[in-house]
Amino acid sequence: MTESEFNELIDQTFSALETALDEVDADIDYETSGGVLTVVFENATRLVFSRQPPTRQLWLAARSGGFHFAFDEEAGDWRDTRAGQLFRPFVVEQMQAQGGVDFAWL
């Protein structure tokens, strides 16, 4: 994957995530700056999504730990490099576990 392909995938992922966040009926804030998307929950905890061009990965920092995702073309989603879980269902779980937010993004 080229760097421009990687950046396009990240941009698409962040855009889809922002659209889904706009639909949430909860008090959360988010902002994108410098390749990082930060979601702030009402309980003041954060999910931080960041692009990692050198490794062509999408990283997620959560209260439960740090997670690295590489794009899986066959699945059409990012896949955790350790546990193998797909990104979208994982984000849904993290939104509930960390922020108590019902988030439909599958």
Protein backbone atom coordinates (compact mmCIF):
# COMPACT_ATOMS: atom_id res chain seq x y z
CA MET A 1 0.00 0.00 0.00
CA THR A 2 1.38 3.40 -0.93
CA GLU A 3 1.40 6.30 1.50
CA SER A 4 -1.29 8.12 -0.50
CA GLU A 5 -3.51 4.99 -0.48
CA PHE A 6 -2.96 4.68 3.26
CA ASN A 7 -3.84 8.33 3.86
CA GLU A 8 -6.96 8.02 1.73
CA LEU A 9 -8.09 4.98 3.76
CA ILE A 10 -7.47 6.82 7.02
CA ASP A 11 -9.35 9.88 5.76
CA GLN A 12 -12.30 7.68 4.76
CA THR A 13 -12.23 5.91 8.14
CA PHE A 14 -12.08 9.18 10.10
CA SER A 15 -14.87 10.67 7.98
CA ALA A 16 -17.11 7.62 8.52
CA LEU A 17 -16.34 7.69 12.25
CA GLU A 18 -17.17 11.40 12.49
CA THR A 19 -20.46 10.85 10.65
CA ALA A 20 -21.37 8.03 13.05
CA LEU A 21 -20.35 10.17 16.06
CA ASP A 22 -22.68 12.93 14.86
CA GLU A 23 -25.56 10.44 15.15
CA VAL A 24 -24.84 9.55 18.78
CA ASP A 25 -27.46 10.70 21.26
CA ALA A 26 -24.96 11.33 24.06
CA ASP A 27 -22.81 14.16 25.30
CA ILE A 28 -19.52 13.49 23.55
CA ASP A 29 -17.12 15.80 21.78
CA TYR A 30 -14.57 15.03 19.11
CA GLU A 31 -11.97 16.90 17.13
CA THR A 32 -9.54 16.09 14.36
CA SER A 33 -6.15 17.73 14.22
CA GLY A 34 -2.83 16.73 12.69
CA GLY A 35 -3.85 13.18 11.78
CA VAL A 36 -5.38 12.52 15.19
CA LEU A 37 -9.08 12.15 16.00
CA THR A 38 -9.87 12.51 19.69
CA VAL A 39 -13.22 11.55 21.21
CA VAL A 40 -13.95 12.96 24.67
CA PHE A 41 -16.70 11.40 26.77
CA GLU A 42 -18.85 12.97 29.46
CA ASN A 43 -16.74 11.14 32.08
CA ALA A 44 -13.67 13.05 30.75
CA THR A 45 -11.98 9.94 29.33
CA ARG A 46 -10.75 9.86 25.74
CA LEU A 47 -10.34 7.61 22.77
CA VAL A 48 -7.47 8.78 20.57
CA PHE A 49 -7.25 7.54 16.99
CA SER A 50 -4.03 8.30 15.14
CA ARG A 51 -2.57 7.58 11.74
CA GLN A 52 0.86 5.99 11.67
CA PRO A 53 2.26 6.41 8.13
CA PRO A 54 5.63 4.68 8.76
CA THR A 55 3.88 1.42 9.71
CA ARG A 56 0.72 2.01 7.60
CA GLN A 57 -1.36 1.44 10.73
CA LEU A 58 -4.22 3.08 12.57
CA TRP A 59 -3.60 3.26 16.30
CA LEU A 60 -6.18 3.59 19.04
CA ALA A 61 -5.34 4.68 22.57
CA ALA A 62 -8.08 3.81 25.06
CA ARG A 63 -8.35 3.41 28.80
CA SER A 64 -8.06 -0.36 28.22
CA GLY A 65 -4.76 -0.02 26.34
CA GLY A 66 -3.11 0.77 23.04
CA PHE A 67 -4.20 -1.04 19.88
CA HIS A 68 -2.66 -1.18 16.43
CA PHE A 69 -4.73 -1.89 13.33
CA ALA A 70 -3.53 -2.75 9.81
CA PHE A 71 -5.90 -2.61 6.85
CA ASP A 72 -7.36 -5.96 5.82
CA GLU A 73 -8.42 -5.64 2.18
CA GLU A 74 -10.40 -8.88 2.24
CA ALA A 75 -12.48 -7.72 5.23
CA GLY A 76 -12.66 -4.10 4.02
CA ASP A 77 -11.79 -2.94 7.54
CA TRP A 78 -8.80 -2.44 9.79
CA ARG A 79 -7.75 -5.49 11.83
CA ASP A 80 -6.04 -5.52 15.24
CA THR A 81 -2.49 -6.77 14.72
CA ARG A 82 -2.50 -8.74 17.99
CA ALA A 83 -6.00 -10.09 18.63
CA GLY A 84 -7.28 -10.02 15.04
CA GLN A 85 -10.50 -8.17 15.88
CA LEU A 86 -11.98 -5.86 13.26
CA PHE A 87 -11.82 -2.13 13.92
CA ARG A 88 -15.48 -1.08 13.66
CA PRO A 89 -16.91 -3.67 16.11
CA PHE A 90 -13.98 -2.97 18.43
CA VAL A 91 -14.73 0.77 18.43
CA VAL A 92 -18.39 0.03 19.19
CA GLU A 93 -17.27 -2.05 22.21
CA GLN A 94 -14.86 0.63 23.41
CA MET A 95 -17.48 3.39 23.13
CA GLN A 96 -19.76 1.36 25.41
CA ALA A 97 -17.09 0.15 27.83
CA GLN A 98 -15.31 3.45 28.25
CA GLY A 99 -17.98 6.08 27.70
CA GLY A 100 -21.22 4.19 28.27
CA VAL A 101 -22.27 5.26 24.78
CA ASP A 102 -24.52 3.17 22.55
CA PHE A 103 -22.80 3.46 19.20
CA ALA A 104 -24.06 1.80 16.04
CA TRP A 105 -21.18 1.66 13.58
CA LEU A 106 -20.90 -1.67 11.82
